[in-house]
């Protein structure tokens, strides 16, 4: 089992994200994973730097820690030919430490280029084509592709690593788990659902299984709850809402009635390691082996110290 640290690009600027990644390496994390957003979930979060620039700087400032996108949509705001090139370059400058996490996208980020946002079926069709294009370009040489939604004309990625990056595909149900098994090298999820892992395996998936565990660590439980209510209450709206709303103001409206009781019922909060450990155990029991800790508390340095001092050995014992 590997343990990752989530770089919340909606909540911190680029220099701070780089600093946290360096600290995460020193604290003992195996990899960092960064969200690839154009907008934050809420305006109060206040940030959305370009993830690929941040990852390149992290690669230059670290030695061993893995890097991952969590996740990139390679089929609307980006064209897959661009992601094929970006991922290949990042794999080279990180000496093979990069994992390309991909998904079907959220309206919040993808609508900004003015091309609309596809239906669920359309998103899955586009994701399949995008993965086929990325794989094709990673074979080298000039390549063309004519799909229902996406096209490539005489494109070549000149700088390719000897071993292509692992592609972990985000799944929220059977259809996307099948895409992960058939066209990806691994699985990515945000809920401790054994049925997603089982579906991935049923369709032939054998790769690493990534999942994000939401925690809210703070030295005081009330501080943790207040931090979630201020900046992370959007996550309690559920994936069907999270994938469809277009702007931070919509997420503010959708989550305005989330209260402290909702937070305490859904997330481990405060300084006690045991509730946080139970949250991680749910993902391990569901079959995930790459657990990303996303701390929504107010003190990232305190959380990194907590991980290094108290939590790392307990989490690793679960694996």
C-alpha atoms as a PDB file:
ATOM      1  CA  UNK A   1       0.000   0.000   0.000  1.00  0.00           C
ATOM      2  CA  UNK A   2       1.130   3.551  -0.739  1.00  0.00           C
ATOM      3  CA  UNK A   3       0.009   6.750   0.988  1.00  0.00           C
ATOM      4  CA  UNK A   4      -0.450  10.010  -0.902  1.00  0.00           C
ATOM      5  CA  UNK A   5      -0.948  13.631   0.106  1.00  0.00           C
ATOM      6  CA  UNK A   6      -3.595  15.680  -1.703  1.00  0.00           C
ATOM      7  CA  UNK A   7      -2.470  19.075  -2.947  1.00  0.00           C
ATOM      8  CA  UNK A   8      -5.698  21.074  -2.893  1.00  0.00           C
ATOM      9  CA  UNK A   9      -5.110  23.450  -5.794  1.00  0.00           C
ATOM     10  CA  UNK A  10      -8.436  25.183  -5.112  1.00  0.00           C
ATOM     11  CA  UNK A  11      -7.324  26.232  -1.629  1.00  0.00           C
ATOM     12  CA  UNK A  12      -3.672  27.255  -2.078  1.00  0.00           C
ATOM     13  CA  UNK A  13      -1.556  29.217  -4.528  1.00  0.00           C
ATOM     14  CA  UNK A  14       1.190  27.613  -6.620  1.00  0.00           C
ATOM     15  CA  UNK A  15       4.170  28.489  -4.401  1.00  0.00           C
ATOM     16  CA  UNK A  16       2.384  27.115  -1.329  1.00  0.00           C
ATOM     17  CA  UNK A  17       1.479  23.884  -3.134  1.00  0.00           C
ATOM     18  CA  UNK A  18       5.122  23.373  -4.089  1.00  0.00           C
ATOM     19  CA  UNK A  19       6.180  24.002  -0.491  1.00  0.00           C
ATOM     20  CA  UNK A  20       3.636  21.493   0.808  1.00  0.00           C
ATOM     21  CA  UNK A  21       4.850  18.862  -1.665  1.00  0.00           C
ATOM     22  CA  UNK A  22       8.430  19.261  -0.474  1.00  0.00           C
ATOM     23  CA  UNK A  23       7.234  18.937   3.125  1.00  0.00           C
ATOM     24  CA  UNK A  24       5.125  15.884   2.216  1.00  0.00           C
ATOM     25  CA  UNK A  25       8.222  14.159   0.863  1.00  0.00           C
ATOM     26  CA  UNK A  26      10.094  14.902   4.093  1.00  0.00           C
ATOM     27  CA  UNK A  27       7.123  13.665   6.156  1.00  0.00           C
ATOM     28  CA  UNK A  28       7.256  10.254   4.466  1.00  0.00           C
ATOM     29  CA  UNK A  29       4.420  10.318   1.940  1.00  0.00           C
ATOM     30  CA  UNK A  30       4.871   8.103  -1.115  1.00  0.00           C
ATOM     31  CA  UNK A  31       3.281  10.485  -3.614  1.00  0.00           C
ATOM     32  CA  UNK A  32       1.417  13.761  -3.989  1.00  0.00           C
ATOM     33  CA  UNK A  33      -1.707  14.175  -6.068  1.00  0.00           C
ATOM     34  CA  UNK A  34      -2.943  17.531  -7.344  1.00  0.00           C
ATOM     35  CA  UNK A  35      -6.399  18.535  -8.517  1.00  0.00           C
ATOM     36  CA  UNK A  36      -6.475  19.933 -12.070  1.00  0.00           C
ATOM     37  CA  UNK A  37      -9.096  22.698 -11.949  1.00  0.00           C
ATOM     38  CA  UNK A  38      -9.831  25.920 -13.771  1.00  0.00           C
ATOM     39  CA  UNK A  39     -12.125  27.189 -10.994  1.00  0.00           C
ATOM     40  CA  UNK A  40     -12.205  26.521  -7.255  1.00  0.00           C
ATOM     41  CA  UNK A  41     -15.314  24.854  -5.826  1.00  0.00           C
ATOM     42  CA  UNK A  42     -16.096  27.960  -3.767  1.00  0.00           C
ATOM     43  CA  UNK A  43     -14.930  31.538  -4.294  1.00  0.00           C
ATOM     44  CA  UNK A  44     -13.756  31.648  -0.675  1.00  0.00           C
ATOM     45  CA  UNK A  45     -11.118  29.031  -1.529  1.00  0.00           C
ATOM     46  CA  UNK A  46      -9.602  31.612  -3.813  1.00  0.00           C
ATOM     47  CA  UNK A  47      -7.189  29.612  -6.009  1.00  0.00           C
ATOM     48  CA  UNK A  48      -6.902  27.508  -9.157  1.00  0.00           C
ATOM     49  CA  UNK A  49      -3.322  27.552 -10.505  1.00  0.00           C
ATOM     50  CA  UNK A  50      -2.277  25.562 -13.571  1.00  0.00           C
ATOM     51  CA  UNK A  51      -1.571  22.095 -12.188  1.00  0.00           C
ATOM     52  CA  UNK A  52       1.004  21.109 -14.802  1.00  0.00           C
ATOM     53  CA  UNK A  53       3.278  24.059 -14.035  1.00  0.00           C
ATOM     54  CA  UNK A  54       3.077  23.249 -10.320  1.00  0.00           C
ATOM     55  CA  UNK A  55       3.926  19.578 -10.961  1.00  0.00           C
ATOM     56  CA  UNK A  56       6.959  20.491 -13.038  1.00  0.00           C
ATOM     57  CA  UNK A  57       8.279  22.687 -10.227  1.00  0.00           C
ATOM     58  CA  UNK A  58       7.620  19.926  -7.682  1.00  0.00           C
ATOM     59  CA  UNK A  59       9.534  17.454  -9.846  1.00  0.00           C
ATOM     60  CA  UNK A  60      12.522  19.807  -9.782  1.00  0.00           C
ATOM     61  CA  UNK A  61      12.326  20.360  -6.014  1.00  0.00           C
ATOM     62  CA  UNK A  62      11.890  16.727  -4.886  1.00  0.00           C
ATOM     63  CA  UNK A  63      13.879  13.513  -5.185  1.00  0.00           C
ATOM     64  CA  UNK A  64      11.737  10.419  -4.642  1.00  0.00           C
ATOM     65  CA  UNK A  65       8.085  11.300  -4.124  1.00  0.00           C
ATOM     66  CA  UNK A  66       5.604  10.274  -6.829  1.00  0.00           C
ATOM     67  CA  UNK A  67       3.458  12.826  -8.666  1.00  0.00           C
ATOM     68  CA  UNK A  68      -0.088  12.417  -9.937  1.00  0.00           C
ATOM     69  CA  UNK A  69      -2.979  14.398 -11.340  1.00  0.00           C
ATOM     70  CA  UNK A  70      -6.199  13.784  -9.482  1.00  0.00           C
ATOM     71  CA  UNK A  71      -7.713  14.060 -11.993  1.00  0.00           C
ATOM     72  CA  UNK A  72      -7.313  15.614 -15.435  1.00  0.00           C
ATOM     73  CA  UNK A  73     -10.112  15.611 -17.998  1.00  0.00           C
ATOM     74  CA  UNK A  74      -8.320  15.036 -21.334  1.00  0.00           C
ATOM     75  CA  UNK A  75     -11.316  15.469 -23.609  1.00  0.00           C
ATOM     76  CA  UNK A  76     -13.013  18.891 -23.284  1.00  0.00           C
ATOM     77  CA  UNK A  77     -10.938  21.767 -21.875  1.00  0.00           C
ATOM     78  CA  UNK A  78      -7.790  19.942 -22.969  1.00  0.00           C
ATOM     79  CA  UNK A  79      -7.296  17.995 -26.174  1.00  0.00           C
ATOM     80  CA  UNK A  80      -5.802  14.541 -25.544  1.00  0.00           C
ATOM     81  CA  UNK A  81      -2.874  15.290 -27.866  1.00  0.00           C
ATOM     82  CA  UNK A  82      -1.846  18.057 -25.454  1.00  0.00           C
ATOM     83  CA  UNK A  83      -2.198  15.787 -22.419  1.00  0.00           C
ATOM     84  CA  UNK A  84      -0.175  13.069 -24.171  1.00  0.00           C
ATOM     85  CA  UNK A  85       2.630  15.591 -24.670  1.00  0.00           C
ATOM     86  CA  UNK A  86       2.345  17.099 -21.170  1.00  0.00           C
ATOM     87  CA  UNK A  87       2.340  13.721 -19.416  1.00  0.00           C
ATOM     88  CA  UNK A  88       5.284  12.432 -21.444  1.00  0.00           C
ATOM     89  CA  UNK A  89       7.309  15.549 -20.618  1.00  0.00           C
ATOM     90  CA  UNK A  90       6.456  15.342 -16.911  1.00  0.00           C
ATOM     91  CA  UNK A  91       7.444  11.672 -16.854  1.00  0.00           C
ATOM     92  CA  UNK A  92      10.843  12.649 -18.273  1.00  0.00           C
ATOM     93  CA  UNK A  93      11.576  15.555 -15.956  1.00  0.00           C
ATOM     94  CA  UNK A  94      10.447  13.532 -12.899  1.00  0.00           C
ATOM     95  CA  UNK A  95      12.503  10.453 -13.837  1.00  0.00           C
ATOM     96  CA  UNK A  96       9.422   8.288 -14.190  1.00  0.00           C
ATOM     97  CA  UNK A  97       7.639   9.402 -11.014  1.00  0.00           C
ATOM     98  CA  UNK A  98       4.449  10.623 -12.699  1.00  0.00           C
ATOM     99  CA  UNK A  99       1.007   8.967 -12.807  1.00  0.00           C
ATOM    100  CA  UNK A 100      -1.623  10.419 -15.135  1.00  0.00           C
ATOM    101  CA  UNK A 101      -4.972  10.422 -13.335  1.00  0.00           C
ATOM    102  CA  UNK A 102      -7.817  11.067 -15.768  1.00  0.00           C
ATOM    103  CA  UNK A 103     -11.591  11.369 -15.606  1.00  0.00           C
ATOM    104  CA  UNK A 104     -14.661  12.394 -17.563  1.00  0.00           C
ATOM    105  CA  UNK A 105     -14.628  15.907 -16.107  1.00  0.00           C
ATOM    106  CA  UNK A 106     -16.838  18.367 -14.226  1.00  0.00           C
ATOM    107  CA  UNK A 107     -18.836  21.186 -15.757  1.00  0.00           C
ATOM    108  CA  UNK A 108     -17.152  23.555 -13.257  1.00  0.00           C
ATOM    109  CA  UNK A 109     -13.895  23.342 -15.207  1.00  0.00           C
ATOM    110  CA  UNK A 110     -14.741  22.107 -18.673  1.00  0.00           C
ATOM    111  CA  UNK A 111     -17.447  24.587 -19.702  1.00  0.00           C
ATOM    112  CA  UNK A 112     -14.978  27.483 -19.724  1.00  0.00           C
ATOM    113  CA  UNK A 113     -13.813  26.883 -23.311  1.00  0.00           C
ATOM    114  CA  UNK A 114     -17.338  27.445 -24.612  1.00  0.00           C
ATOM    115  CA  UNK A 115     -17.881  24.009 -26.126  1.00  0.00           C
ATOM    116  CA  UNK A 116     -20.661  23.015 -23.738  1.00  0.00           C
ATOM    117  CA  UNK A 117     -20.547  20.003 -21.437  1.00  0.00           C
ATOM    118  CA  UNK A 118     -21.548  16.556 -22.713  1.00  0.00           C
ATOM    119  CA  UNK A 119     -24.067  14.140 -21.237  1.00  0.00           C
ATOM    120  CA  UNK A 120     -22.761  11.325 -19.032  1.00  0.00           C
ATOM    121  CA  UNK A 121     -22.752   8.958 -22.023  1.00  0.00           C
ATOM    122  CA  UNK A 122     -21.040  11.584 -24.165  1.00  0.00           C
ATOM    123  CA  UNK A 123     -18.392  12.177 -21.516  1.00  0.00           C
ATOM    124  CA  UNK A 124     -17.617   8.479 -21.332  1.00  0.00           C
ATOM    125  CA  UNK A 125     -17.422   8.207 -25.115  1.00  0.00           C
ATOM    126  CA  UNK A 126     -15.049  11.161 -25.257  1.00  0.00           C
ATOM    127  CA  UNK A 127     -12.909   9.730 -22.452  1.00  0.00           C
ATOM    128  CA  UNK A 128     -12.550   6.439 -24.325  1.00  0.00           C
ATOM    129  CA  UNK A 129     -11.452   8.258 -27.465  1.00  0.00           C
ATOM    130  CA  UNK A 130      -9.064  10.465 -25.505  1.00  0.00           C
ATOM    131  CA  UNK A 131      -7.369   7.451 -23.941  1.00  0.00           C
ATOM    132  CA  UNK A 132      -7.065   5.772 -27.331  1.00  0.00           C
ATOM    133  CA  UNK A 133      -5.412   8.933 -28.706  1.00  0.00           C
ATOM    134  CA  UNK A 134      -2.981   9.222 -25.788  1.00  0.00           C
ATOM    135  CA  UNK A 135      -1.972   5.570 -26.142  1.00  0.00           C
ATOM    136  CA  UNK A 136      -1.569   6.000 -29.898  1.00  0.00           C
ATOM    137  CA  UNK A 137       0.690   9.029 -29.559  1.00  0.00           C
ATOM    138  CA  UNK A 138       2.808   7.313 -26.911  1.00  0.00           C
ATOM    139  CA  UNK A 139       3.674   4.641 -29.477  1.00  0.00           C
ATOM    140  CA  UNK A 140       5.771   7.231 -31.299  1.00  0.00           C
ATOM    141  CA  UNK A 141       5.778   8.428 -34.879  1.00  0.00           C
ATOM    142  CA  UNK A 142       3.228  10.554 -36.699  1.00  0.00           C
ATOM    143  CA  UNK A 143      -0.299   9.495 -35.891  1.00  0.00           C
ATOM    144  CA  UNK A 144      -3.820  10.350 -37.038  1.00  0.00           C
ATOM    145  CA  UNK A 145      -7.127   9.423 -35.432  1.00  0.00           C
ATOM    146  CA  UNK A 146     -10.721   9.928 -36.515  1.00  0.00           C
ATOM    147  CA  UNK A 147     -13.253   9.421 -33.755  1.00  0.00           C
ATOM    148  CA  UNK A 148     -16.870  10.337 -33.255  1.00  0.00           C
ATOM    149  CA  UNK A 149     -15.905  13.238 -30.991  1.00  0.00           C
ATOM    150  CA  UNK A 150     -12.132  13.728 -31.174  1.00  0.00           C
ATOM    151  CA  UNK A 151      -9.578  13.831 -33.966  1.00  0.00           C
ATOM    152  CA  UNK A 152      -5.835  13.965 -34.439  1.00  0.00           C
ATOM    153  CA  UNK A 153      -4.088  14.882 -37.696  1.00  0.00           C
ATOM    154  CA  UNK A 154      -0.420  13.956 -38.256  1.00  0.00           C
ATOM    155  CA  UNK A 155       0.636  14.515 -34.640  1.00  0.00           C
ATOM    156  CA  UNK A 156       3.826  13.250 -33.043  1.00  0.00           C
ATOM    157  CA  UNK A 157       5.094  13.502 -29.477  1.00  0.00           C
ATOM    158  CA  UNK A 158       8.848  13.749 -29.955  1.00  0.00           C
ATOM    159  CA  UNK A 159      10.000  13.423 -26.322  1.00  0.00           C
ATOM    160  CA  UNK A 160       8.765  10.116 -24.957  1.00  0.00           C
ATOM    161  CA  UNK A 161       9.923   8.229 -21.842  1.00  0.00           C
ATOM    162  CA  UNK A 162      11.080   4.631 -22.246  1.00  0.00           C
ATOM    163  CA  UNK A 163       8.161   3.550 -20.054  1.00  0.00           C
ATOM    164  CA  UNK A 164       4.892   5.497 -20.481  1.00  0.00           C
ATOM    165  CA  UNK A 165       3.241   6.921 -17.367  1.00  0.00           C
ATOM    166  CA  UNK A 166       0.666   4.833 -15.564  1.00  0.00           C
ATOM    167  CA  UNK A 167      -2.855   6.005 -16.423  1.00  0.00           C
ATOM    168  CA  UNK A 168      -5.332   5.775 -13.529  1.00  0.00           C
ATOM    169  CA  UNK A 169      -8.929   6.277 -14.659  1.00  0.00           C
ATOM    170  CA  UNK A 170     -11.526   7.767 -12.322  1.00  0.00           C
ATOM    171  CA  UNK A 171     -14.661   5.662 -11.826  1.00  0.00           C
ATOM    172  CA  UNK A 172     -17.933   6.257 -10.014  1.00  0.00           C
ATOM    173  CA  UNK A 173     -19.850   3.237 -11.324  1.00  0.00           C
ATOM    174  CA  UNK A 174     -19.779   0.179 -13.571  1.00  0.00           C
ATOM    175  CA  UNK A 175     -19.458   2.035 -16.881  1.00  0.00           C
ATOM    176  CA  UNK A 176     -16.428   4.059 -15.878  1.00  0.00           C
ATOM    177  CA  UNK A 177     -14.882   1.083 -14.038  1.00  0.00           C
ATOM    178  CA  UNK A 178     -15.000  -0.779 -17.342  1.00  0.00           C
ATOM    179  CA  UNK A 179     -13.176   2.096 -19.087  1.00  0.00           C
ATOM    180  CA  UNK A 180     -10.534   1.994 -16.345  1.00  0.00           C
ATOM    181  CA  UNK A 181     -10.044  -1.752 -16.836  1.00  0.00           C
ATOM    182  CA  UNK A 182     -10.011  -1.720 -20.628  1.00  0.00           C
ATOM    183  CA  UNK A 183      -8.078   1.473 -21.394  1.00  0.00           C
ATOM    184  CA  UNK A 184      -6.275   2.416 -18.173  1.00  0.00           C
ATOM    185  CA  UNK A 185      -3.489   0.970 -16.053  1.00  0.00           C
ATOM    186  CA  UNK A 186      -5.218   1.656 -12.760  1.00  0.00           C
ATOM    187  CA  UNK A 187      -8.370   2.831 -11.022  1.00  0.00           C
ATOM    188  CA  UNK A 188      -9.167   6.111  -9.261  1.00  0.00           C
ATOM    189  CA  UNK A 189     -12.157   6.743  -6.959  1.00  0.00           C
ATOM    190  CA  UNK A 190     -13.354   9.108  -4.250  1.00  0.00           C
ATOM    191  CA  UNK A 191     -15.627   6.781  -2.270  1.00  0.00           C
ATOM    192  CA  UNK A 192     -14.844   3.581  -0.306  1.00  0.00           C
ATOM    193  CA  UNK A 193     -17.009   1.462  -2.585  1.00  0.00           C
ATOM    194  CA  UNK A 194     -16.068  -2.169  -2.971  1.00  0.00           C
ATOM    195  CA  UNK A 195     -18.463  -2.496  -5.930  1.00  0.00           C
ATOM    196  CA  UNK A 196     -16.279  -0.135  -7.980  1.00  0.00           C
ATOM    197  CA  UNK A 197     -13.164  -2.198  -7.244  1.00  0.00           C
ATOM    198  CA  UNK A 198     -15.053  -5.423  -7.947  1.00  0.00           C
ATOM    199  CA  UNK A 199     -16.318  -4.020 -11.255  1.00  0.00           C
ATOM    200  CA  UNK A 200     -12.810  -2.944 -12.233  1.00  0.00           C
ATOM    201  CA  UNK A 201     -11.499  -6.443 -11.522  1.00  0.00           C
ATOM    202  CA  UNK A 202     -14.456  -8.125 -13.225  1.00  0.00           C
ATOM    203  CA  UNK A 203     -13.623  -6.307 -16.459  1.00  0.00           C
ATOM    204  CA  UNK A 204      -9.995  -7.408 -16.223  1.00  0.00           C
ATOM    205  CA  UNK A 205      -8.380  -4.544 -14.294  1.00  0.00           C
ATOM    206  CA  UNK A 206      -5.276  -5.564 -12.362  1.00  0.00           C
ATOM    207  CA  UNK A 207      -3.472  -2.268 -11.717  1.00  0.00           C
ATOM    208  CA  UNK A 208      -3.114   0.054  -8.730  1.00  0.00           C
ATOM    209  CA  UNK A 209      -6.332   1.331  -7.164  1.00  0.00           C
ATOM    210  CA  UNK A 210      -6.231   4.968  -6.041  1.00  0.00           C
ATOM    211  CA  UNK A 211      -8.767   6.573  -3.698  1.00  0.00           C
ATOM    212  CA  UNK A 212      -9.116   9.888  -1.854  1.00  0.00           C
ATOM    213  CA  UNK A 213      -9.936   9.780   1.849  1.00  0.00           C
ATOM    214  CA  UNK A 214     -11.390  13.059   3.148  1.00  0.00           C
ATOM    215  CA  UNK A 215     -10.116  14.007   6.605  1.00  0.00           C
ATOM    216  CA  UNK A 216     -10.337  17.184   8.674  1.00  0.00           C
ATOM    217  CA  UNK A 217      -7.429  17.244  11.096  1.00  0.00           C
ATOM    218  CA  UNK A 218      -6.943  20.121  13.531  1.00  0.00           C
ATOM    219  CA  UNK A 219      -5.677  20.508  17.078  1.00  0.00           C
ATOM    220  CA  UNK A 220      -9.256  21.327  18.070  1.00  0.00           C
ATOM    221  CA  UNK A 221     -12.340  19.523  16.770  1.00  0.00           C
ATOM    222  CA  UNK A 222     -14.411  22.684  16.434  1.00  0.00           C
ATOM    223  CA  UNK A 223     -11.677  24.332  14.367  1.00  0.00           C
ATOM    224  CA  UNK A 224     -11.766  21.373  11.996  1.00  0.00           C
ATOM    225  CA  UNK A 225     -15.548  21.556  11.623  1.00  0.00           C
ATOM    226  CA  UNK A 226     -15.451  25.295  10.986  1.00  0.00           C
ATOM    227  CA  UNK A 227     -12.753  24.876   8.336  1.00  0.00           C
ATOM    228  CA  UNK A 228     -14.863  22.317   6.484  1.00  0.00           C
ATOM    229  CA  UNK A 229     -17.951  24.527   6.645  1.00  0.00           C
ATOM    230  CA  UNK A 230     -16.020  27.496   5.301  1.00  0.00           C
ATOM    231  CA  UNK A 231     -14.105  25.921   2.412  1.00  0.00           C
ATOM    232  CA  UNK A 232     -14.967  22.254   1.862  1.00  0.00           C
ATOM    233  CA  UNK A 233     -18.717  21.861   2.400  1.00  0.00           C
ATOM    234  CA  UNK A 234     -19.124  21.477  -1.371  1.00  0.00           C
ATOM    235  CA  UNK A 235     -17.885  17.896  -1.063  1.00  0.00           C
ATOM    236  CA  UNK A 236     -21.004  16.887   0.855  1.00  0.00           C
ATOM    237  CA  UNK A 237     -23.234  17.634  -2.137  1.00  0.00           C
ATOM    238  CA  UNK A 238     -22.345  14.313  -3.814  1.00  0.00           C
ATOM    239  CA  UNK A 239     -20.841  13.471  -7.172  1.00  0.00           C
ATOM    240  CA  UNK A 240     -23.982  14.005  -9.271  1.00  0.00           C
ATOM    241  CA  UNK A 241     -24.075  17.599  -8.086  1.00  0.00           C
ATOM    242  CA  UNK A 242     -20.313  18.070  -8.177  1.00  0.00           C
ATOM    243  CA  UNK A 243     -20.080  17.034 -11.820  1.00  0.00           C
ATOM    244  CA  UNK A 244     -22.893  19.257 -13.082  1.00  0.00           C
ATOM    245  CA  UNK A 245     -22.801  22.724 -11.475  1.00  0.00           C
ATOM    246  CA  UNK A 246     -20.998  25.369 -13.556  1.00  0.00           C
ATOM    247  CA  UNK A 247     -19.512  27.904 -11.131  1.00  0.00           C
ATOM    248  CA  UNK A 248     -18.423  28.432  -7.505  1.00  0.00           C
ATOM    249  CA  UNK A 249     -21.517  30.531  -6.786  1.00  0.00           C
ATOM    250  CA  UNK A 250     -23.668  27.514  -7.630  1.00  0.00           C
ATOM    251  CA  UNK A 251     -21.745  25.320  -5.201  1.00  0.00           C
ATOM    252  CA  UNK A 252     -22.126  27.982  -2.534  1.00  0.00           C
ATOM    253  CA  UNK A 253     -25.887  27.906  -3.035  1.00  0.00           C
ATOM    254  CA  UNK A 254     -26.088  24.106  -3.187  1.00  0.00           C
ATOM    255  CA  UNK A 255     -24.162  23.716   0.070  1.00  0.00           C
ATOM    256  CA  UNK A 256     -25.580  26.658   2.059  1.00  0.00           C
ATOM    257  CA  UNK A 257     -27.584  24.434   4.393  1.00  0.00           C
ATOM    258  CA  UNK A 258     -24.728  22.061   5.269  1.00  0.00           C
ATOM    259  CA  UNK A 259     -24.207  22.318   9.039  1.00  0.00           C
ATOM    260  CA  UNK A 260     -21.825  21.065  11.704  1.00  0.00           C
ATOM    261  CA  UNK A 261     -23.872  17.921  12.231  1.00  0.00           C
ATOM    262  CA  UNK A 262     -23.558  17.034   8.560  1.00  0.00           C
ATOM    263  CA  UNK A 263     -19.784  17.462   8.744  1.00  0.00           C
ATOM    264  CA  UNK A 264     -19.402  15.327  11.862  1.00  0.00           C
ATOM    265  CA  UNK A 265     -21.572  12.579  10.395  1.00  0.00           C
ATOM    266  CA  UNK A 266     -19.571  12.353   7.171  1.00  0.00           C
ATOM    267  CA  UNK A 267     -15.928  13.122   8.071  1.00  0.00           C
ATOM    268  CA  UNK A 268     -13.458  12.429  10.833  1.00  0.00           C
ATOM    269  CA  UNK A 269     -12.685  15.767  12.495  1.00  0.00           C
ATOM    270  CA  UNK A 270     -10.201  16.901  15.125  1.00  0.00           C
ATOM    271  CA  UNK A 271      -6.908  15.655  16.589  1.00  0.00           C
ATOM    272  CA  UNK A 272      -7.790  12.061  17.554  1.00  0.00           C
ATOM    273  CA  UNK A 273      -6.111   9.669  15.087  1.00  0.00           C
ATOM    274  CA  UNK A 274      -8.642   6.865  15.584  1.00  0.00           C
ATOM    275  CA  UNK A 275     -11.547   8.378  13.555  1.00  0.00           C
ATOM    276  CA  UNK A 276      -9.118   9.242  10.750  1.00  0.00           C
ATOM    277  CA  UNK A 277      -7.760   5.701  10.842  1.00  0.00           C
ATOM    278  CA  UNK A 278     -11.274   4.245  10.586  1.00  0.00           C
ATOM    279  CA  UNK A 279     -11.923   6.410   7.519  1.00  0.00           C
ATOM    280  CA  UNK A 280      -8.786   5.116   5.805  1.00  0.00           C
ATOM    281  CA  UNK A 281      -9.559   1.517   6.812  1.00  0.00           C
ATOM    282  CA  UNK A 282     -12.866   1.719   4.923  1.00  0.00           C
ATOM    283  CA  UNK A 283     -10.929   2.316   1.685  1.00  0.00           C
ATOM    284  CA  UNK A 284      -8.439  -0.452   2.400  1.00  0.00           C
ATOM    285  CA  UNK A 285     -11.269  -2.869   3.170  1.00  0.00           C
ATOM    286  CA  UNK A 286     -12.937  -1.884  -0.127  1.00  0.00           C
ATOM    287  CA  UNK A 287      -9.806  -2.962  -2.015  1.00  0.00           C
ATOM    288  CA  UNK A 288      -7.885   0.277  -2.629  1.00  0.00           C
ATOM    289  CA  UNK A 289      -4.099   0.214  -2.284  1.00  0.00           C
ATOM    290  CA  UNK A 290      -3.124   3.825  -3.062  1.00  0.00           C
ATOM    291  CA  UNK A 291      -4.781   5.975  -0.401  1.00  0.00           C
ATOM    292  CA  UNK A 292      -4.649   9.755  -0.831  1.00  0.00           C
ATOM    293  CA  UNK A 293      -5.166  11.718   2.388  1.00  0.00           C
ATOM    294  CA  UNK A 294      -7.040  14.947   1.692  1.00  0.00           C
ATOM    295  CA  UNK A 295      -6.883  17.127   4.784  1.00  0.00           C
ATOM    296  CA  UNK A 296      -9.602  19.773   4.820  1.00  0.00           C
ATOM    297  CA  UNK A 297      -8.538  21.138   8.194  1.00  0.00           C
ATOM    298  CA  UNK A 298      -7.059  24.630   8.621  1.00  0.00           C
ATOM    299  CA  UNK A 299      -3.403  23.714   9.310  1.00  0.00           C
ATOM    300  CA  UNK A 300      -1.502  21.838   6.565  1.00  0.00           C
ATOM    301  CA  UNK A 301       1.810  21.946   8.454  1.00  0.00           C
ATOM    302  CA  UNK A 302       0.180  20.619  11.601  1.00  0.00           C
ATOM    303  CA  UNK A 303      -1.345  17.794   9.581  1.00  0.00           C
ATOM    304  CA  UNK A 304       2.000  16.928   7.972  1.00  0.00           C
ATOM    305  CA  UNK A 305       3.615  16.814  11.428  1.00  0.00           C
ATOM    306  CA  UNK A 306       0.732  14.658  12.701  1.00  0.00           C
ATOM    307  CA  UNK A 307       1.228  12.242   9.804  1.00  0.00           C
ATOM    308  CA  UNK A 308       4.981  11.950  10.349  1.00  0.00           C
ATOM    309  CA  UNK A 309       4.737  11.658  14.135  1.00  0.00           C
ATOM    310  CA  UNK A 310       1.572   9.688  14.893  1.00  0.00           C
ATOM    311  CA  UNK A 311      -0.359   8.568  11.867  1.00  0.00           C
ATOM    312  CA  UNK A 312       1.962   7.144   9.243  1.00  0.00           C
ATOM    313  CA  UNK A 313       2.856   3.947  11.079  1.00  0.00           C
ATOM    314  CA  UNK A 314      -0.786   3.221  11.908  1.00  0.00           C
ATOM    315  CA  UNK A 315      -1.948   3.750   8.327  1.00  0.00           C
ATOM    316  CA  UNK A 316       0.792   1.585   6.882  1.00  0.00           C
ATOM    317  CA  UNK A 317      -0.103  -1.200   9.302  1.00  0.00           C
ATOM    318  CA  UNK A 318      -3.517  -1.406   7.609  1.00  0.00           C
ATOM    319  CA  UNK A 319      -1.839  -2.563   4.413  1.00  0.00           C
END
